[in-house]
Every structure is written in C-alpha cells, then in structure tokens.
Amino acid sequence: MSHNFKDFGIPAEVTYLIGKSISLDHVLNLPIKVLDFRIGPSKKKPNTEYLTLQIETEGVKRVIFTGATVLIQQIKKVDKDKFPFNATIIKKNEYYEFT
C-alpha cells in the first residue's frame, strides 16, 4: 500500500530567513522593521560571528548579511518576545548601530 505524505500531518518547519539579500548601505538611516535574526560563525573571518538579519522595508522582506560587531552585540540583548521591532541602522564613526 502506498501512503500519501499529506496524511502524515507533518507541518513544514521554516528555519531560514525569507527575502532577497540587500546591502546594509541600502537601509542606512531609514526606518526598518526587524523581524528575526540568526548569528553564526563567520566563514570569511575565523573566530568571529556573522549576523543574518531579516528586515522589512517599504513592505518588502529583505535579508542583510553582516559581520558588524556592534549590531551583533545589540541584537543579542533583545528578548525574542520583543520581535518584531522598529529601528534605524546608523553609521557612527566606524561602526553600525541600531537606534
């Protein structure tokens, strides 16, 4: 007897962030909604972390990839129950930060 997958009742688990990649510079100083994020080891710089940030800007979901240390430090301090939140990313001196 052949089974139908739909009868198993297994929901899809989306573990990736949705949206086309966009440069951090494209949203600099603009209001964004931060939807979700992932932090993992950088493939380009050993022993550093890399932030994958899912945002919404102008009603469109986008993904930003960055090694910006201050952004990583800041977003780690945001409780998951505070998502989504509105923010602006600015460049201050030589680093990026949420405001």
N, C-alpha and C. Protein backbone atom coordinates (compact mmCIF):
# COMPACT_ATOMS: atom_id res chain seq x y z
N MET A 1 0.84 -1.19 0.00
CA MET A 1 0.00 0.00 0.00
C MET A 1 0.88 1.25 0.00
N SER A 2 0.48 2.20 -0.77
CA SER A 2 1.22 3.45 -0.89
C SER A 2 0.60 4.52 0.03
N HIS A 3 1.42 5.28 0.71
CA HIS A 3 0.95 6.32 1.62
C HIS A 3 1.05 7.70 0.97
N ASN A 4 0.21 8.62 1.44
CA ASN A 4 0.27 10.00 0.99
C ASN A 4 0.90 10.85 2.08
N PHE A 5 1.90 11.61 1.73
CA PHE A 5 2.60 12.42 2.73
C PHE A 5 1.65 13.36 3.47
N LYS A 6 0.69 13.92 2.77
CA LYS A 6 -0.24 14.86 3.40
C LYS A 6 -1.00 14.23 4.56
N ASP A 7 -1.13 12.91 4.54
CA ASP A 7 -1.84 12.20 5.61
C ASP A 7 -1.01 12.04 6.89
N PHE A 8 0.30 12.31 6.81
CA PHE A 8 1.17 12.17 7.97
C PHE A 8 1.01 13.32 8.96
N GLY A 9 0.48 14.47 8.51
CA GLY A 9 0.27 15.60 9.40
C GLY A 9 1.56 16.26 9.87
N ILE A 10 2.59 16.24 9.04
CA ILE A 10 3.88 16.84 9.40
C ILE A 10 3.95 18.25 8.82
N PRO A 11 3.93 19.28 9.69
CA PRO A 11 4.00 20.64 9.18
C PRO A 11 5.42 21.01 8.73
N ALA A 12 5.49 21.93 7.81
CA ALA A 12 6.79 22.42 7.35
C ALA A 12 7.40 23.29 8.44
N GLU A 13 8.70 23.12 8.68
CA GLU A 13 9.41 23.95 9.64
C GLU A 13 10.34 24.87 8.85
N VAL A 14 10.00 26.14 8.83
CA VAL A 14 10.82 27.10 8.10
C VAL A 14 11.90 27.59 9.05
N THR A 15 13.15 27.25 8.74
CA THR A 15 14.26 27.63 9.61
C THR A 15 15.19 28.64 8.96
N TYR A 16 14.82 29.12 7.79
CA TYR A 16 15.64 30.10 7.11
C TYR A 16 14.90 31.43 7.10
N LEU A 17 15.62 32.49 6.78
CA LEU A 17 15.02 33.81 6.73
C LEU A 17 14.62 34.12 5.30
N ILE A 18 13.45 34.70 5.14
CA ILE A 18 12.87 34.92 3.82
C ILE A 18 13.16 36.32 3.32
N GLY A 19 13.51 36.43 2.06
CA GLY A 19 13.71 37.73 1.42
C GLY A 19 15.00 37.76 0.63
N LYS A 20 15.03 38.63 -0.35
CA LYS A 20 16.23 38.80 -1.15
C LYS A 20 17.27 39.58 -0.35
N SER A 21 18.51 39.25 -0.57
CA SER A 21 19.60 39.91 0.12
C SER A 21 19.70 41.38 -0.29
N ILE A 22 20.00 42.22 0.68
CA ILE A 22 20.16 43.65 0.43
C ILE A 22 21.37 44.13 1.23
N SER A 23 22.08 45.07 0.69
CA SER A 23 23.24 45.63 1.37
C SER A 23 22.81 46.49 2.56
N LEU A 24 23.59 46.46 3.60
CA LEU A 24 23.34 47.29 4.78
C LEU A 24 23.27 48.76 4.39
N ASP A 25 24.08 49.16 3.44
CA ASP A 25 24.10 50.56 2.99
C ASP A 25 22.77 51.01 2.39
N HIS A 26 21.99 50.07 1.84
CA HIS A 26 20.71 50.41 1.23
C HIS A 26 19.63 50.81 2.24
N VAL A 27 19.82 50.43 3.49
CA VAL A 27 18.82 50.76 4.51
C VAL A 27 19.37 51.70 5.58
N LEU A 28 20.60 52.13 5.40
CA LEU A 28 21.23 53.03 6.37
C LEU A 28 20.41 54.30 6.55
N ASN A 29 20.13 54.64 7.79
CA ASN A 29 19.37 55.84 8.17
C ASN A 29 17.90 55.81 7.75
N LEU A 30 17.39 54.64 7.39
CA LEU A 30 15.98 54.50 7.00
C LEU A 30 15.24 53.67 8.05
N PRO A 31 13.96 53.94 8.27
CA PRO A 31 13.21 53.13 9.23
C PRO A 31 13.01 51.71 8.67
N ILE A 32 13.28 50.72 9.52
CA ILE A 32 13.09 49.32 9.15
C ILE A 32 12.35 48.61 10.28
N LYS A 33 11.78 47.46 9.95
CA LYS A 33 11.20 46.59 10.97
C LYS A 33 12.09 45.36 11.02
N VAL A 34 12.63 45.05 12.19
CA VAL A 34 13.48 43.88 12.36
C VAL A 34 12.57 42.71 12.73
N LEU A 35 12.55 41.69 11.88
CA LEU A 35 11.65 40.56 12.04
C LEU A 35 12.29 39.37 12.76
N ASP A 36 13.54 39.08 12.44
CA ASP A 36 14.21 37.92 13.01
C ASP A 36 15.70 38.01 12.70
N PHE A 37 16.47 37.12 13.30
CA PHE A 37 17.91 37.11 13.04
C PHE A 37 18.50 35.74 13.35
N ARG A 38 19.67 35.51 12.82
CA ARG A 38 20.48 34.34 13.13
C ARG A 38 21.91 34.84 13.30
N ILE A 39 22.63 34.22 14.21
CA ILE A 39 24.05 34.52 14.39
C ILE A 39 24.80 33.21 14.30
N GLY A 40 25.86 33.21 13.51
CA GLY A 40 26.66 32.01 13.35
C GLY A 40 28.11 32.37 13.14
N PRO A 41 28.96 31.38 13.03
CA PRO A 41 30.38 31.66 12.80
C PRO A 41 30.62 32.20 11.39
N SER A 42 31.48 33.18 11.30
CA SER A 42 31.82 33.77 10.00
C SER A 42 32.66 32.80 9.19
N LYS A 43 32.35 32.70 7.91
CA LYS A 43 33.15 31.88 7.01
C LYS A 43 34.33 32.66 6.46
N LYS A 44 34.22 34.00 6.50
CA LYS A 44 35.27 34.85 5.94
C LYS A 44 36.35 35.22 6.96
N LYS A 45 35.92 35.42 8.22
CA LYS A 45 36.87 35.80 9.27
C LYS A 45 36.80 34.78 10.40
N PRO A 46 37.78 33.90 10.49
CA PRO A 46 37.77 32.88 11.55
C PRO A 46 37.66 33.51 12.94
N ASN A 47 36.98 32.80 13.82
CA ASN A 47 36.80 33.20 15.22
C ASN A 47 35.98 34.48 15.39
N THR A 48 35.14 34.80 14.40
CA THR A 48 34.23 35.93 14.52
C THR A 48 32.82 35.45 14.20
N GLU A 49 31.84 36.28 14.55
CA GLU A 49 30.45 35.94 14.30
C GLU A 49 29.91 36.72 13.11
N TYR A 50 28.81 36.19 12.58
CA TYR A 50 28.18 36.76 11.40
C TYR A 50 26.68 36.86 11.66
N LEU A 51 26.09 38.00 11.36
CA LEU A 51 24.67 38.24 11.60
C LEU A 51 23.89 38.16 10.30
N THR A 52 22.84 37.37 10.32
CA THR A 52 21.88 37.34 9.23
C THR A 52 20.62 37.96 9.80
N LEU A 53 20.22 39.07 9.24
CA LEU A 53 19.14 39.89 9.78
C LEU A 53 17.98 39.92 8.80
N GLN A 54 16.79 39.51 9.25
CA GLN A 54 15.62 39.62 8.39
C GLN A 54 14.88 40.90 8.77
N ILE A 55 14.67 41.74 7.77
CA ILE A 55 14.00 43.02 7.99
C ILE A 55 12.84 43.17 7.02
N GLU A 56 12.05 44.19 7.29
CA GLU A 56 11.03 44.60 6.34
C GLU A 56 11.23 46.09 6.11
N THR A 57 11.30 46.45 4.85
CA THR A 57 11.43 47.85 4.49
C THR A 57 10.49 48.12 3.32
N GLU A 58 9.70 49.17 3.45
CA GLU A 58 8.71 49.53 2.43
C GLU A 58 7.79 48.36 2.12
N GLY A 59 7.45 47.57 3.14
CA GLY A 59 6.53 46.45 2.98
C GLY A 59 7.12 45.20 2.36
N VAL A 60 8.44 45.18 2.14
CA VAL A 60 9.09 44.04 1.49
C VAL A 60 10.10 43.41 2.46
N LYS A 61 10.05 42.07 2.57
CA LYS A 61 11.01 41.37 3.42
C LYS A 61 12.35 41.28 2.71
N ARG A 62 13.41 41.56 3.46
CA ARG A 62 14.77 41.51 2.94
C ARG A 62 15.67 40.84 3.97
N VAL A 63 16.84 40.40 3.53
CA VAL A 63 17.83 39.80 4.42
C VAL A 63 19.14 40.55 4.26
N ILE A 64 19.76 40.87 5.39
CA ILE A 64 21.05 41.55 5.42
C ILE A 64 22.06 40.61 6.05
N PHE A 65 23.22 40.47 5.44
CA PHE A 65 24.32 39.68 5.97
C PHE A 65 25.42 40.65 6.39
N THR A 66 25.87 40.56 7.65
CA THR A 66 26.89 41.49 8.11
C THR A 66 27.70 40.90 9.26
N GLY A 67 28.91 41.34 9.36
CA GLY A 67 29.77 40.98 10.48
C GLY A 67 29.88 42.13 11.47
N ALA A 68 28.98 43.10 11.37
CA ALA A 68 29.04 44.31 12.21
C ALA A 68 28.92 43.92 13.69
N THR A 69 30.03 44.04 14.41
CA THR A 69 30.13 43.60 15.80
C THR A 69 29.13 44.28 16.72
N VAL A 70 28.95 45.58 16.58
CA VAL A 70 28.05 46.31 17.48
C VAL A 70 26.60 45.87 17.23
N LEU A 71 26.22 45.70 15.99
CA LEU A 71 24.86 45.21 15.69
C LEU A 71 24.64 43.83 16.32
N ILE A 72 25.64 42.97 16.23
CA ILE A 72 25.54 41.63 16.82
C ILE A 72 25.39 41.74 18.34
N GLN A 73 26.21 42.57 18.96
CA GLN A 73 26.13 42.75 20.42
C GLN A 73 24.76 43.28 20.83
N GLN A 74 24.25 44.25 20.08
CA GLN A 74 22.96 44.84 20.43
C GLN A 74 21.82 43.86 20.27
N ILE A 75 21.76 43.16 19.15
CA ILE A 75 20.61 42.29 18.89
C ILE A 75 20.57 41.09 19.83
N LYS A 76 21.73 40.65 20.32
CA LYS A 76 21.77 39.56 21.29
C LYS A 76 21.05 39.94 22.58
N LYS A 77 20.96 41.22 22.87
CA LYS A 77 20.35 41.70 24.12
C LYS A 77 18.84 41.91 24.01
N VAL A 78 18.29 41.74 22.82
CA VAL A 78 16.85 41.92 22.61
C VAL A 78 16.14 40.60 22.89
N ASP A 79 15.18 40.61 23.82
CA ASP A 79 14.40 39.42 24.12
C ASP A 79 13.58 39.02 22.90
N LYS A 80 13.49 37.70 22.66
CA LYS A 80 12.74 37.19 21.50
C LYS A 80 11.28 37.64 21.50
N ASP A 81 10.70 37.91 22.68
CA ASP A 81 9.30 38.34 22.72
C ASP A 81 9.13 39.81 22.34
N LYS A 82 10.23 40.50 22.05
CA LYS A 82 10.18 41.90 21.62
C LYS A 82 10.18 42.02 20.09
N PHE A 83 10.27 40.89 19.39
CA PHE A 83 10.24 40.90 17.93
C PHE A 83 8.82 40.82 17.43
N PRO A 84 8.52 41.47 16.31
CA PRO A 84 9.36 42.40 15.55
C PRO A 84 9.44 43.74 16.26
N PHE A 85 10.48 44.51 15.90
CA PHE A 85 10.61 45.85 16.44
C PHE A 85 11.08 46.80 15.34
N ASN A 86 10.77 48.08 15.52
CA ASN A 86 11.18 49.10 14.57
C ASN A 86 12.52 49.67 14.98
N ALA A 87 13.34 50.00 14.01
CA ALA A 87 14.68 50.53 14.28
C ALA A 87 15.20 51.29 13.07
N THR A 88 16.31 51.93 13.29
CA THR A 88 17.08 52.55 12.22
C THR A 88 18.52 52.13 12.45
N ILE A 89 19.21 51.78 11.39
CA ILE A 89 20.63 51.45 11.49
C ILE A 89 21.40 52.68 11.03
N ILE A 90 22.30 53.15 11.89
CA ILE A 90 23.11 54.31 11.54
C ILE A 90 24.58 53.92 11.57
N LYS A 91 25.38 54.71 10.90
CA LYS A 91 26.83 54.52 10.95
C LYS A 91 27.37 55.61 11.85
N LYS A 92 28.01 55.19 12.91
CA LYS A 92 28.57 56.12 13.89
C LYS A 92 30.06 55.89 13.94
N ASN A 93 30.83 56.89 13.55
CA ASN A 93 32.28 56.74 13.41
C ASN A 93 32.57 55.61 12.44
N GLU A 94 33.13 54.52 12.92
CA GLU A 94 33.50 53.42 12.04
C GLU A 94 32.65 52.16 12.26
N TYR A 95 31.52 52.29 12.94
CA TYR A 95 30.69 51.11 13.19
C TYR A 95 29.22 51.41 12.97
N TYR A 96 28.44 50.35 12.81
CA TYR A 96 26.99 50.45 12.64
C TYR A 96 26.31 50.15 13.95
N GLU A 97 25.17 50.82 14.20
CA GLU A 97 24.39 50.53 15.41
C GLU A 97 22.92 50.74 15.16
N PHE A 98 22.11 50.03 15.97
CA PHE A 98 20.66 50.22 15.95
C PHE A 98 20.31 51.46 16.78
N THR A 99 19.33 52.23 16.32
CA THR A 99 18.80 53.32 17.12
C THR A 99 17.30 53.22 17.10
